[in-house]
Structure formats: C-alpha cells, structure tokens
Amino acid sequence: MPKMKTNRAAAKRFKITGTGRVRRSKGGASHFMGGKSPSRLRRLRKQDMVHKSMEERVKLMLPYGTK
C-alpha cells in the first residue's frame, strides 16, 4: 500500500492531543488588536478544541496524527 498524504494546511492548524482530541488556535488574533480589550486578547492566546462533530473530518486530513 502506498503511504497516505497528510493535508499540509491542516497539519499547520491542528494538533492531536494525547487523549485523541483535536486542538486548534482561536481566530481573530492576527490584526486589529487596538479595538480588542486586553482580556479578550488574553483569551485569544489560548488554544481551543475542535468541536466533536468536526473532529473526525479533521482527523481524516491527519492520517498519521497520534491516536
């Protein structure tokens, strides 16, 4: 069998956690920082999880992600 290809765009955006969930960055933290409150910017720094309903679709693009 040939090797499966990883979707490179997905590989740059998502990581698989040790428990098999999919982690992602929050959106809206790349520009227009002056209009956002400091507490909002702190929240945007943290990672978030992909919703359960989308998890399987993301994992299909990352065939060699752990778990």
PDB file of N, CA and C in Angstrom:
ATOM      1  N   MET A   1       0.843  -1.199   0.000  1.00  0.00           N
ATOM      2  CA  MET A   1       0.000   0.000   0.000  1.00  0.00           C
ATOM      3  C   MET A   1       0.878   1.248   0.000  1.00  0.00           C
ATOM      4  N   PRO A   2       0.502   2.249  -0.805  1.00  0.00           N
ATOM      5  CA  PRO A   2       1.264   3.499  -0.753  1.00  0.00           C
ATOM      6  C   PRO A   2       0.943   4.264   0.530  1.00  0.00           C
ATOM      7  N   LYS A   3       1.861   5.158   0.869  1.00  0.00           N
ATOM      8  CA  LYS A   3       1.641   5.981   2.054  1.00  0.00           C
ATOM      9  C   LYS A   3       0.509   6.967   1.796  1.00  0.00           C
ATOM     10  N   MET A   4      -0.214   7.321   2.850  1.00  0.00           N
ATOM     11  CA  MET A   4      -1.275   8.318   2.728  1.00  0.00           C
ATOM     12  C   MET A   4      -0.661   9.700   2.871  1.00  0.00           C
ATOM     13  N   LYS A   5      -1.228  10.672   2.179  1.00  0.00           N
ATOM     14  CA  LYS A   5      -0.717  12.038   2.263  1.00  0.00           C
ATOM     15  C   LYS A   5      -1.440  12.816   3.351  1.00  0.00           C
ATOM     16  N   THR A   6      -0.654  13.550   4.133  1.00  0.00           N
ATOM     17  CA  THR A   6      -1.202  14.455   5.138  1.00  0.00           C
ATOM     18  C   THR A   6      -1.580  15.761   4.457  1.00  0.00           C
ATOM     19  N   ASN A   7      -2.722  16.302   4.793  1.00  0.00           N
ATOM     20  CA  ASN A   7      -3.112  17.621   4.293  1.00  0.00           C
ATOM     21  C   ASN A   7      -2.245  18.646   5.017  1.00  0.00           C
ATOM     22  N   ARG A   8      -1.345  19.303   4.305  1.00  0.00           N
ATOM     23  CA  ARG A   8      -0.364  20.183   4.922  1.00  0.00           C
ATOM     24  C   ARG A   8      -1.012  21.419   5.553  1.00  0.00           C
ATOM     25  N   ALA A   9      -2.099  21.904   4.974  1.00  0.00           N
ATOM     26  CA  ALA A   9      -2.798  23.056   5.564  1.00  0.00           C
ATOM     27  C   ALA A   9      -3.364  22.679   6.925  1.00  0.00           C
ATOM     28  N   ALA A  10      -3.925  21.476   7.035  1.00  0.00           N
ATOM     29  CA  ALA A  10      -4.483  21.013   8.307  1.00  0.00           C
ATOM     30  C   ALA A  10      -3.372  20.758   9.318  1.00  0.00           C
ATOM     31  N   ALA A  11      -2.238  20.249   8.870  1.00  0.00           N
ATOM     32  CA  ALA A  11      -1.131  19.947   9.776  1.00  0.00           C
ATOM     33  C   ALA A  11      -0.606  21.206  10.452  1.00  0.00           C
ATOM     34  N   LYS A  12      -0.693  22.336   9.756  1.00  0.00           N
ATOM     35  CA  LYS A  12      -0.220  23.601  10.323  1.00  0.00           C
ATOM     36  C   LYS A  12      -1.230  24.204  11.293  1.00  0.00           C
ATOM     37  N   ARG A  13      -2.484  23.786  11.220  1.00  0.00           N
ATOM     38  CA  ARG A  13      -3.539  24.397  12.032  1.00  0.00           C
ATOM     39  C   ARG A  13      -3.994  23.554  13.214  1.00  0.00           C
ATOM     40  N   PHE A  14      -3.819  22.239  13.139  1.00  0.00           N
ATOM     41  CA  PHE A  14      -4.355  21.351  14.167  1.00  0.00           C
ATOM     42  C   PHE A  14      -3.278  20.445  14.736  1.00  0.00           C
ATOM     43  N   LYS A  15      -3.462  20.080  16.019  1.00  0.00           N
ATOM     44  CA  LYS A  15      -2.599  19.094  16.659  1.00  0.00           C
ATOM     45  C   LYS A  15      -3.507  18.087  17.373  1.00  0.00           C
ATOM     46  N   ILE A  16      -3.091  16.829  17.386  1.00  0.00           N
ATOM     47  CA  ILE A  16      -3.834  15.802  18.101  1.00  0.00           C
ATOM     48  C   ILE A  16      -3.268  15.714  19.518  1.00  0.00           C
ATOM     49  N   THR A  17      -4.140  15.745  20.517  1.00  0.00           N
ATOM     50  CA  THR A  17      -3.699  15.667  21.907  1.00  0.00           C
ATOM     51  C   THR A  17      -3.439  14.213  22.293  1.00  0.00           C
ATOM     52  N   GLY A  18      -2.906  14.009  23.471  1.00  0.00           N
ATOM     53  CA  GLY A  18      -2.623  12.659  23.951  1.00  0.00           C
ATOM     54  C   GLY A  18      -3.863  11.811  24.106  1.00  0.00           C
ATOM     55  N   THR A  19      -5.002  12.449  24.386  1.00  0.00           N
ATOM     56  CA  THR A  19      -6.251  11.696  24.548  1.00  0.00           C
ATOM     57  C   THR A  19      -6.993  11.513  23.232  1.00  0.00           C
ATOM     58  N   GLY A  20      -6.441  12.067  22.132  1.00  0.00           N
ATOM     59  CA  GLY A  20      -7.060  11.878  20.825  1.00  0.00           C
ATOM     60  C   GLY A  20      -7.968  13.001  20.379  1.00  0.00           C
ATOM     61  N   ARG A  21      -8.111  14.042  21.210  1.00  0.00           N
ATOM     62  CA  ARG A  21      -8.906  15.205  20.794  1.00  0.00           C
ATOM     63  C   ARG A  21      -8.073  16.051  19.836  1.00  0.00           C
ATOM     64  N   VAL A  22      -8.718  17.009  19.148  1.00  0.00           N
ATOM     65  CA  VAL A  22      -8.022  17.864  18.195  1.00  0.00           C
ATOM     66  C   VAL A  22      -7.979  19.292  18.735  1.00  0.00           C
ATOM     67  N   ARG A  23      -6.778  19.849  18.812  1.00  0.00           N
ATOM     68  CA  ARG A  23      -6.583  21.190  19.337  1.00  0.00           C
ATOM     69  C   ARG A  23      -6.419  22.176  18.183  1.00  0.00           C
ATOM     70  N   ARG A  24      -6.915  23.398  18.375  1.00  0.00           N
ATOM     71  CA  ARG A  24      -6.809  24.439  17.352  1.00  0.00           C
ATOM     72  C   ARG A  24      -6.565  25.785  18.025  1.00  0.00           C
ATOM     73  N   SER A  25      -6.088  26.762  17.247  1.00  0.00           N
ATOM     74  CA  SER A  25      -5.941  28.125  17.746  1.00  0.00           C
ATOM     75  C   SER A  25      -7.259  28.856  17.575  1.00  0.00           C
ATOM     76  N   LYS A  26      -7.452  29.887  18.367  1.00  0.00           N
ATOM     77  CA  LYS A  26      -8.660  30.692  18.232  1.00  0.00           C
ATOM     78  C   LYS A  26      -8.466  31.714  17.120  1.00  0.00           C
ATOM     79  N   GLY A  27      -9.562  32.052  16.456  1.00  0.00           N
ATOM     80  CA  GLY A  27      -9.498  33.007  15.363  1.00  0.00           C
ATOM     81  C   GLY A  27      -9.594  34.444  15.840  1.00  0.00           C
ATOM     82  N   GLY A  28      -9.176  35.381  14.997  1.00  0.00           N
ATOM     83  CA  GLY A  28      -9.346  36.796  15.297  1.00  0.00           C
ATOM     84  C   GLY A  28      -8.200  37.410  16.061  1.00  0.00           C
ATOM     85  N   ALA A  29      -7.030  36.757  16.069  1.00  0.00           N
ATOM     86  CA  ALA A  29      -5.906  37.278  16.843  1.00  0.00           C
ATOM     87  C   ALA A  29      -4.743  37.705  15.955  1.00  0.00           C
ATOM     88  N   SER A  30      -5.024  38.047  14.703  1.00  0.00           N
ATOM     89  CA  SER A  30      -3.907  38.381  13.810  1.00  0.00           C
ATOM     90  C   SER A  30      -3.780  39.869  13.494  1.00  0.00           C
ATOM     91  N   HIS A  31      -4.856  40.615  13.554  1.00  0.00           N
ATOM     92  CA  HIS A  31      -4.757  42.057  13.295  1.00  0.00           C
ATOM     93  C   HIS A  31      -5.921  42.777  13.951  1.00  0.00           C
ATOM     94  N   PHE A  32      -5.926  44.111  13.881  1.00  0.00           N
ATOM     95  CA  PHE A  32      -6.920  44.977  14.548  1.00  0.00           C
ATOM     96  C   PHE A  32      -6.905  44.777  16.061  1.00  0.00           C
ATOM     97  N   MET A  33      -5.707  44.724  16.637  1.00  0.00           N
ATOM     98  CA  MET A  33      -5.590  44.475  18.077  1.00  0.00           C
ATOM     99  C   MET A  33      -6.057  45.668  18.917  1.00  0.00           C
ATOM    100  N   GLY A  34      -5.939  46.870  18.362  1.00  0.00           N
ATOM    101  CA  GLY A  34      -6.290  48.063  19.137  1.00  0.00           C
ATOM    102  C   GLY A  34      -7.752  48.120  19.535  1.00  0.00           C
ATOM    103  N   GLY A  35      -8.620  47.520  18.763  1.00  0.00           N
ATOM    104  CA  GLY A  35     -10.042  47.563  19.060  1.00  0.00           C
ATOM    105  C   GLY A  35     -10.525  46.471  19.993  1.00  0.00           C
ATOM    106  N   LYS A  36      -9.603  45.611  20.445  1.00  0.00           N
ATOM    107  CA  LYS A  36      -9.990  44.488  21.300  1.00  0.00           C
ATOM    108  C   LYS A  36      -9.487  44.721  22.715  1.00  0.00           C
ATOM    109  N   SER A  37     -10.282  44.321  23.686  1.00  0.00           N
ATOM    110  CA  SER A  37      -9.915  44.547  25.086  1.00  0.00           C
ATOM    111  C   SER A  37      -8.759  43.622  25.481  1.00  0.00           C
ATOM    112  N   PRO A  38      -7.964  44.026  26.482  1.00  0.00           N
ATOM    113  CA  PRO A  38      -6.852  43.180  26.925  1.00  0.00           C
ATOM    114  C   PRO A  38      -7.296  41.789  27.376  1.00  0.00           C
ATOM    115  N   SER A  39      -8.472  41.707  28.029  1.00  0.00           N
ATOM    116  CA  SER A  39      -8.944  40.393  28.481  1.00  0.00           C
ATOM    117  C   SER A  39      -9.312  39.514  27.286  1.00  0.00           C
ATOM    118  N   ARG A  40      -9.856  40.124  26.250  1.00  0.00           N
ATOM    119  CA  ARG A  40     -10.197  39.370  25.044  1.00  0.00           C
ATOM    120  C   ARG A  40      -8.930  38.858  24.352  1.00  0.00           C
ATOM    121  N   LEU A  41      -7.892  39.704  24.305  1.00  0.00           N
ATOM    122  CA  LEU A  41      -6.630  39.292  23.690  1.00  0.00           C
ATOM    123  C   LEU A  41      -5.978  38.160  24.482  1.00  0.00           C
ATOM    124  N   ARG A  42      -6.086  38.184  25.794  1.00  0.00           N
ATOM    125  CA  ARG A  42      -5.553  37.091  26.616  1.00  0.00           C
ATOM    126  C   ARG A  42      -6.289  35.789  26.315  1.00  0.00           C
ATOM    127  N   ARG A  43      -7.600  35.885  26.163  1.00  0.00           N
ATOM    128  CA  ARG A  43      -8.393  34.695  25.831  1.00  0.00           C
ATOM    129  C   ARG A  43      -7.996  34.125  24.477  1.00  0.00           C
ATOM    130  N   LEU A  44      -7.714  35.013  23.511  1.00  0.00           N
ATOM    131  CA  LEU A  44      -7.373  34.565  22.162  1.00  0.00           C
ATOM    132  C   LEU A  44      -6.011  33.871  22.107  1.00  0.00           C
ATOM    133  N   ARG A  45      -5.149  34.124  23.094  1.00  0.00           N
ATOM    134  CA  ARG A  45      -3.841  33.477  23.124  1.00  0.00           C
ATOM    135  C   ARG A  45      -3.951  31.986  23.383  1.00  0.00           C
ATOM    136  N   LYS A  46      -4.966  31.583  24.108  1.00  0.00           N
ATOM    137  CA  LYS A  46      -5.102  30.181  24.493  1.00  0.00           C
ATOM    138  C   LYS A  46      -5.586  29.324  23.320  1.00  0.00           C
ATOM    139  N   GLN A  47      -5.299  28.036  23.423  1.00  0.00           N
ATOM    140  CA  GLN A  47      -5.762  27.083  22.429  1.00  0.00           C
ATOM    141  C   GLN A  47      -7.196  26.669  22.746  1.00  0.00           C
ATOM    142  N   ASP A  48      -7.874  26.112  21.764  1.00  0.00           N
ATOM    143  CA  ASP A  48      -9.243  25.647  21.938  1.00  0.00           C
ATOM    144  C   ASP A  48      -9.343  24.257  21.308  1.00  0.00           C
ATOM    145  N   MET A  49     -10.420  23.563  21.567  1.00  0.00           N
ATOM    146  CA  MET A  49     -10.622  22.241  20.988  1.00  0.00           C
ATOM    147  C   MET A  49     -11.587  22.325  19.805  1.00  0.00           C
ATOM    148  N   VAL A  50     -11.368  21.469  18.817  1.00  0.00           N
ATOM    149  CA  VAL A  50     -12.288  21.361  17.684  1.00  0.00           C
ATOM    150  C   VAL A  50     -13.560  20.692  18.202  1.00  0.00           C
ATOM    151  N   HIS A  51     -14.702  21.128  17.719  1.00  0.00           N
ATOM    152  CA  HIS A  51     -15.979  20.557  18.152  1.00  0.00           C
ATOM    153  C   HIS A  51     -16.049  19.084  17.762  1.00  0.00           C
ATOM    154  N   LYS A  52     -16.725  18.305  18.603  1.00  0.00           N
ATOM    155  CA  LYS A  52     -16.833  16.856  18.386  1.00  0.00           C
ATOM    156  C   LYS A  52     -17.364  16.502  17.000  1.00  0.00           C
ATOM    157  N   SER A  53     -18.312  17.302  16.499  1.00  0.00           N
ATOM    158  CA  SER A  53     -18.919  16.999  15.207  1.00  0.00           C
ATOM    159  C   SER A  53     -17.943  17.176  14.045  1.00  0.00           C
ATOM    160  N   MET A  54     -16.886  17.982  14.230  1.00  0.00           N
ATOM    161  CA  MET A  54     -15.899  18.214  13.170  1.00  0.00           C
ATOM    162  C   MET A  54     -14.618  17.409  13.357  1.00  0.00           C
ATOM    163  N   GLU A  55     -14.486  16.772  14.514  1.00  0.00           N
ATOM    164  CA  GLU A  55     -13.238  16.089  14.850  1.00  0.00           C
ATOM    165  C   GLU A  55     -12.857  15.010  13.842  1.00  0.00           C
ATOM    166  N   GLU A  56     -13.800  14.183  13.440  1.00  0.00           N
ATOM    167  CA  GLU A  56     -13.498  13.087  12.517  1.00  0.00           C
ATOM    168  C   GLU A  56     -13.029  13.606  11.164  1.00  0.00           C
ATOM    169  N   ARG A  57     -13.604  14.724  10.713  1.00  0.00           N
ATOM    170  CA  ARG A  57     -13.214  15.291   9.413  1.00  0.00           C
ATOM    171  C   ARG A  57     -11.788  15.806   9.448  1.00  0.00           C
ATOM    172  N   VAL A  58     -11.401  16.396  10.586  1.00  0.00           N
ATOM    173  CA  VAL A  58     -10.033  16.891  10.726  1.00  0.00           C
ATOM    174  C   VAL A  58      -9.063  15.719  10.795  1.00  0.00           C
ATOM    175  N   LYS A  59      -9.441  14.665  11.527  1.00  0.00           N
ATOM    176  CA  LYS A  59      -8.555  13.507  11.672  1.00  0.00           C
ATOM    177  C   LYS A  59      -8.330  12.780  10.347  1.00  0.00           C
ATOM    178  N   LEU A  60      -9.285  12.847   9.433  1.00  0.00           N
ATOM    179  CA  LEU A  60      -9.092  12.251   8.109  1.00  0.00           C
ATOM    180  C   LEU A  60      -7.978  12.955   7.349  1.00  0.00           C
ATOM    181  N   MET A  61      -7.806  14.259   7.606  1.00  0.00           N
ATOM    182  CA  MET A  61      -6.751  15.015   6.929  1.00  0.00           C
ATOM    183  C   MET A  61      -5.386  14.810   7.573  1.00  0.00           C
ATOM    184  N   LEU A  62      -5.368  14.240   8.789  1.00  0.00           N
ATOM    185  CA  LEU A  62      -4.127  13.988   9.513  1.00  0.00           C
ATOM    186  C   LEU A  62      -3.980  12.485   9.779  1.00  0.00           C
ATOM    187  N   PRO A  63      -3.700  11.688   8.758  1.00  0.00           N
ATOM    188  CA  PRO A  63      -3.722  10.233   8.934  1.00  0.00           C
ATOM    189  C   PRO A  63      -2.663   9.716   9.897  1.00  0.00           C
ATOM    190  N   TYR A  64      -1.568  10.452  10.097  1.00  0.00           N
ATOM    191  CA  TYR A  64      -0.501   9.974  10.962  1.00  0.00           C
ATOM    192  C   TYR A  64      -0.431  10.737  12.273  1.00  0.00           C
ATOM    193  N   GLY A  65      -1.484  11.490  12.608  1.00  0.00           N
ATOM    194  CA  GLY A  65      -1.554  12.103  13.925  1.00  0.00           C
ATOM    195  C   GLY A  65      -1.719  11.000  14.951  1.00  0.00           C
ATOM    196  N   THR A  66      -1.105  11.171  16.127  1.00  0.00           N
ATOM    197  CA  THR A  66      -1.179  10.104  17.122  1.00  0.00           C
ATOM    198  C   THR A  66      -2.608   9.887  17.564  1.00  0.00           C
ATOM    199  N   LYS A  67      -2.972   8.676  17.798  1.00  0.00           N
ATOM    200  CA  LYS A  67      -4.292   8.209  18.258  1.00  0.00           C
ATOM    201  C   LYS A  67      -5.338   8.317  17.186  1.00  0.00           C
TER     202      LYS A  67
END
